[in-house]
Protein backbone atom coordinates (compact mmCIF):
# COMPACT_ATOMS: atom_id res chain seq x y z
CA MET A 1 1.61 39.41 184.27
CA THR A 2 1.23 43.11 183.43
CA GLN A 3 -1.71 44.80 185.10
CA PRO A 4 -4.14 46.43 182.63
CA THR A 5 -4.26 50.22 182.58
CA ALA A 6 -7.48 51.39 184.18
CA VAL A 7 -9.49 54.17 182.59
CA PRO A 8 -10.46 57.16 184.75
CA VAL A 9 -13.62 56.50 186.73
CA VAL A 10 -16.75 58.37 185.66
CA ALA A 11 -19.51 57.24 188.01
CA LEU A 12 -23.03 57.00 186.66
CA PRO A 13 -25.62 57.96 189.30
CA ASP A 14 -27.91 55.11 190.35
CA ASP A 15 -30.97 57.17 189.44
CA ILE A 16 -29.88 58.26 185.96
CA GLU A 17 -32.16 57.19 183.09
CA ALA A 18 -30.82 58.67 179.89
CA THR A 19 -29.33 57.93 176.47
CA LEU A 20 -26.05 59.05 174.95
CA VAL A 21 -25.59 58.99 171.17
CA LEU A 22 -22.05 58.97 169.75
CA CYS A 23 -21.30 59.91 166.13
CA ARG A 24 -17.95 60.14 164.40
CA HIS A 25 -17.35 62.96 161.92
CA GLY A 26 -17.67 62.36 158.20
CA GLU A 27 -14.84 61.53 155.83
CA SER A 28 -12.10 64.17 155.76
CA THR A 29 -9.74 65.09 152.94
CA TRP A 30 -6.86 63.46 154.84
CA ILE A 31 -8.76 60.20 155.21
CA VAL A 32 -9.05 60.15 151.41
CA GLU A 33 -5.32 60.83 151.09
CA GLY A 34 -4.31 58.26 153.74
CA ARG A 35 -2.80 60.78 156.15
CA PHE A 36 -2.67 60.73 159.96
CA GLN A 37 -5.01 63.35 161.39
CA GLY A 38 -4.76 63.50 165.17
CA ALA A 39 -5.28 67.02 166.48
CA ALA A 40 -4.62 68.56 163.05
CA ASP A 41 -7.53 70.21 161.29
CA PRO A 42 -8.31 68.99 157.75
CA PRO A 43 -11.82 69.72 156.41
CA LEU A 44 -14.48 67.28 155.34
CA SER A 45 -14.17 65.87 151.85
CA PRO A 46 -17.13 66.31 149.47
CA VAL A 47 -18.24 62.79 150.41
CA GLY A 48 -17.84 63.68 154.08
CA GLN A 49 -20.14 66.65 153.62
CA ARG A 50 -22.78 64.38 152.08
CA GLN A 51 -22.30 61.88 154.91
CA ALA A 52 -22.98 64.66 157.42
CA ALA A 53 -26.16 65.60 155.57
CA HIS A 54 -27.38 61.99 155.56
CA LEU A 55 -26.54 61.65 159.26
CA ALA A 56 -28.54 64.79 160.03
CA SER A 57 -31.50 63.53 158.01
CA ARG A 58 -31.45 60.16 159.79
CA LEU A 59 -31.26 61.65 163.29
CA GLY A 60 -34.05 64.01 162.36
CA ASP A 61 -36.25 61.07 161.32
CA ARG A 62 -35.49 58.50 164.03
CA GLY A 63 -38.92 56.88 163.81
CA ARG A 64 -38.62 55.53 160.27
CA ILE A 65 -37.84 51.85 159.82
CA PRO A 66 -35.49 50.61 161.11
CA ILE A 67 -36.33 52.65 164.21
CA LEU A 68 -33.32 54.04 166.02
CA PRO A 69 -33.12 53.19 169.77
CA ILE A 70 -33.11 56.88 170.65
CA PRO A 71 -35.81 58.68 172.69
CA SER A 72 -38.23 61.04 170.98
CA GLY A 73 -37.85 64.79 171.15
CA PRO A 74 -34.69 66.85 170.75
CA PRO A 75 -31.48 66.11 172.68
CA ILE A 76 -30.68 68.25 175.70
CA ALA A 77 -27.41 69.23 174.00
CA ILE A 78 -25.08 68.46 171.10
CA TRP A 79 -21.45 68.45 172.15
CA HIS A 80 -18.68 68.32 169.56
CA SER A 81 -14.95 68.61 169.15
CA PRO A 82 -13.95 72.10 167.98
CA LEU A 83 -11.96 70.72 165.03
CA ALA A 84 -13.30 71.56 161.56
CA ARG A 85 -14.30 68.04 160.51
CA THR A 86 -16.44 67.55 163.62
CA SER A 87 -17.91 71.05 163.59
CA ALA A 88 -18.91 70.64 159.94
CA THR A 89 -20.55 67.30 160.75
CA ALA A 90 -22.37 68.62 163.80
CA THR A 91 -23.72 71.75 162.06
CA PRO A 92 -26.35 70.06 159.83
CA VAL A 93 -27.23 67.69 162.70
CA GLY A 94 -27.93 70.64 164.98
CA ALA A 95 -30.03 72.29 162.28
CA ALA A 96 -32.05 69.10 161.72
CA LEU A 97 -32.71 68.66 165.45
CA GLY A 98 -33.21 72.35 166.23
CA VAL A 99 -30.53 72.32 168.94
CA PRO A 100 -27.58 74.72 169.29
CA LEU A 101 -24.08 73.25 169.30
CA THR A 102 -21.62 73.23 172.19
CA ALA A 103 -17.93 72.97 171.31
CA GLN A 104 -16.05 70.94 173.93
CA PRO A 105 -12.24 71.21 173.63
CA ASP A 106 -11.69 67.99 175.62
CA LEU A 107 -13.42 66.07 172.79
CA ARG A 108 -10.66 66.83 170.26
CA GLU A 109 -8.86 63.87 168.72
CA ILE A 110 -5.82 62.21 170.29
CA GLY A 111 -2.73 64.17 169.24
CA GLN A 112 -0.42 62.26 166.89
CA GLY A 113 2.58 64.59 167.12
CA ALA A 114 5.11 64.24 164.30
CA TRP A 115 2.83 61.84 162.42
CA GLU A 116 0.07 64.38 161.81
CA GLY A 117 -0.35 65.20 158.15
CA ARG A 118 2.03 62.47 157.01
CA LEU A 119 1.07 59.60 154.72
CA VAL A 120 0.72 56.29 156.52
CA ALA A 121 3.07 54.68 153.99
CA ASP A 122 5.78 57.25 154.83
CA ILE A 123 5.38 56.65 158.57
CA LEU A 124 5.69 52.91 158.03
CA ALA A 125 8.94 53.54 156.17
CA SER A 126 10.47 55.79 158.85
CA ASP A 127 8.77 54.74 162.11
CA GLY A 128 7.36 51.36 161.17
CA ASP A 129 8.27 49.57 164.41
CA LEU A 130 6.71 52.30 166.57
CA LEU A 131 3.55 52.47 164.44
CA ARG A 132 3.17 48.70 164.64
CA ALA A 133 3.67 48.85 168.42
CA TRP A 134 0.99 51.58 168.69
CA ARG A 135 -1.42 49.37 166.79
CA GLN A 136 -0.58 46.28 168.82
CA ALA A 137 -0.18 47.81 172.31
CA PRO A 138 -1.30 51.48 172.24
CA VAL A 139 -0.64 52.19 175.93
CA GLY A 140 2.89 53.56 176.11
CA HIS A 141 3.54 53.56 172.35
CA GLU A 142 2.45 56.97 171.09
CA ALA A 143 3.78 58.94 168.12
CA PRO A 144 6.90 61.11 168.60
CA GLY A 145 5.65 64.20 170.39
CA GLY A 146 2.15 62.73 170.46
CA GLU A 147 -0.39 62.50 173.22
CA ALA A 148 -0.24 59.48 175.51
CA LEU A 149 -3.42 57.41 175.55
CA VAL A 150 -3.64 57.83 179.32
CA GLN A 151 -3.60 61.62 178.91
CA ALA A 152 -6.36 61.45 176.30
CA ALA A 153 -8.40 59.28 178.66
CA VAL A 154 -8.12 61.88 181.43
CA ARG A 155 -9.49 64.71 179.31
CA GLY A 156 -12.08 62.40 177.76
CA ALA A 157 -13.27 61.65 181.29
CA ARG A 158 -13.51 65.39 182.00
CA ALA A 159 -15.78 65.86 179.02
CA LEU A 160 -17.79 62.79 179.98
CA GLU A 161 -18.30 63.95 183.56
CA HIS A 162 -19.86 67.17 182.31
CA ILE A 163 -22.11 65.28 179.89
CA VAL A 164 -23.22 62.77 182.53
CA ASP A 165 -23.96 65.59 184.99
CA ARG A 166 -26.17 67.31 182.42
CA LEU A 167 -28.02 64.11 181.56
CA ALA A 168 -28.49 63.19 185.23
CA GLU A 169 -29.90 66.65 185.96
CA ALA A 170 -32.33 66.35 183.04
CA SER A 171 -33.27 62.82 184.12
CA ARG A 172 -34.13 63.92 187.65
CA ALA A 173 -36.09 66.90 186.35
CA ARG A 174 -38.29 64.46 184.41
CA GLY A 175 -38.81 62.23 187.43
CA GLY A 176 -36.29 59.59 186.39
CA GLY A 177 -37.32 56.32 184.87
CA ASP A 178 -38.67 52.99 186.01
CA PRO A 179 -35.98 51.42 188.26
CA ASP A 180 -37.59 47.99 187.80
CA ARG A 181 -37.47 48.07 184.01
CA ALA A 182 -35.58 45.05 182.73
CA PRO A 183 -32.28 45.84 180.99
CA VAL A 184 -32.92 42.94 178.60
CA ILE A 185 -34.10 44.04 175.15
CA GLY A 186 -37.56 42.70 174.39
CA TYR A 187 -38.88 43.25 177.90
CA GLY A 188 -39.61 46.93 177.39
CA SER A 189 -37.56 49.72 175.91
CA ALA A 190 -36.40 53.07 177.16
CA ALA A 191 -39.13 55.56 177.89
CA SER A 192 -39.75 57.84 174.92
CA SER A 193 -39.48 60.85 177.22
CA GLN A 194 -36.03 59.84 178.50
CA PRO A 195 -33.48 62.67 178.07
CA TRP A 196 -30.67 62.13 175.62
CA GLY A 197 -27.55 63.87 174.46
CA LEU A 198 -25.41 63.69 171.33
CA VAL A 199 -21.63 63.76 170.92
CA VAL A 200 -19.99 64.33 167.53
CA GLY A 201 -16.37 63.35 167.88
CA HIS A 202 -13.39 61.40 166.58
CA ASP A 203 -12.63 57.72 166.29
CA GLY A 204 -9.86 57.68 168.91
CA LEU A 205 -11.51 59.82 171.58
CA LEU A 206 -14.88 58.08 171.12
CA ARG A 207 -13.14 54.74 171.67
CA VAL A 208 -11.78 56.06 174.97
CA ILE A 209 -15.22 57.32 176.02
CA VAL A 210 -16.77 53.90 175.42
CA LEU A 211 -14.02 52.14 177.37
CA THR A 212 -14.54 54.59 180.23
CA LEU A 213 -18.31 54.06 180.33
CA LEU A 214 -17.91 50.26 180.20
CA GLY A 215 -15.04 50.16 182.70
CA LEU A 216 -12.69 48.43 180.25
CA PRO A 217 -8.89 48.90 180.35
CA LEU A 218 -7.14 51.15 177.85
CA GLU A 219 -5.42 48.09 176.36
CA ARG A 220 -8.81 47.35 174.76
CA PHE A 221 -8.54 50.61 172.79
CA TRP A 222 -8.92 48.95 169.39
CA THR A 223 -12.07 47.06 170.41
CA PHE A 224 -14.70 49.65 169.40
CA PRO A 225 -13.99 51.30 166.02
CA PHE A 226 -16.26 54.08 164.77
CA VAL A 227 -17.26 54.40 161.12
CA PRO A 228 -17.44 57.91 159.63
CA ALA A 229 -20.90 59.44 160.24
CA GLY A 230 -22.14 56.28 161.97
CA ILE A 231 -24.49 56.18 164.95
CA SER A 232 -23.77 54.43 168.26
CA VAL A 233 -26.17 54.43 171.20
CA LEU A 234 -25.58 53.82 174.90
CA GLU A 235 -28.32 53.82 177.50
CA PHE A 236 -27.72 54.74 181.14
CA HIS A 237 -29.82 52.63 183.51
CA ARG A 238 -29.40 52.04 187.27
CA GLY A 239 -25.80 53.24 187.27
CA HIS A 240 -24.73 51.16 184.27
CA ALA A 241 -23.97 51.93 180.62
CA ILE A 242 -25.70 49.55 178.19
CA VAL A 243 -24.67 49.36 174.54
CA ARG A 244 -27.88 49.54 172.50
CA ALA A 245 -26.33 49.96 169.05
CA HIS A 246 -22.91 50.44 167.49
CA ASN A 247 -21.93 51.79 164.07
CA LEU A 248 -25.40 52.03 162.55
CA ASP A 249 -24.81 53.29 159.02
CA GLU A 250 -27.72 52.24 156.82
CA HIS A 251 -28.39 55.94 156.22
CA LEU A 252 -25.10 56.07 154.29
CA ALA A 253 -26.10 53.34 151.81
CA PRO A 254 -26.74 55.87 148.98
CA LEU A 255 -23.08 56.91 149.25
CA GLN A 256 -21.53 53.45 149.16
CA ARG A 257 -18.80 53.01 146.57
CA PRO A 258 -15.80 50.76 145.96
CA ASP A 259 -13.18 51.63 148.60
CA PRO A 260 -9.88 52.65 146.94
CA THR A 261 -8.13 52.30 150.32
CA ALA A 262 -9.25 48.68 150.85
CA GLY A 263 -6.34 46.71 152.25
CA ARG A 264 -4.39 49.89 153.04
CA GLU A 265 -3.40 50.82 156.58
CA GLY A 266 -5.75 53.34 158.22
CA ALA A 267 -4.91 56.18 160.59
CA LEU A 268 -6.53 58.17 163.37
């Protein structure tokens, strides 16, 4: 039996009490066209720009019903991939929260080599077996000239180590949290003064970050998809990462429309 591929270890300090919010960028022009993106740099589509604005408004009004499981006050930092679609999503969020942005190169999307910019239908015609293998068993089946998933996990862990260090420092500066607080929802929630940070990134790299925090093997890569401009929340408590919410997107309801790509293969 093949041993699962372990993700790099990013240890959470036992005394950390903090929250990490993960948001994918809004819809890009290449998503609309059905093209592979990877480390290429298409801009947001007009809908993607509106998604970013709605995301910013929602994060700026976390207390309205339904209340987001995010502490009060501004985040200690907003980290984002330097690619255009993430920068353009992070910009209105930073303005709404009154926090400057920090570009983090290690948060860029997983490189898709020769597939970047190509229509998914064309890739299926020329490299169909490899694309199907990538989608079935992504470890060891990357695009021609693309970035191996293990390599992406290593740089994702580098970015995550920096983020965890910052959150741990802020947590200790605030005296930490209650070590006896139950991790079961309904028995008390995170302290409103708990520090939190925000990452605006890409579907693929955010998947890797979640696997790393949860200690899951890279073979589980397809387990946690991220919707454009959605909100996911992880809480750090007693050295563990706890998933509090994933893919919250009620703030995007005004933009819902029939999906012309329904039933069509997607791409990173």
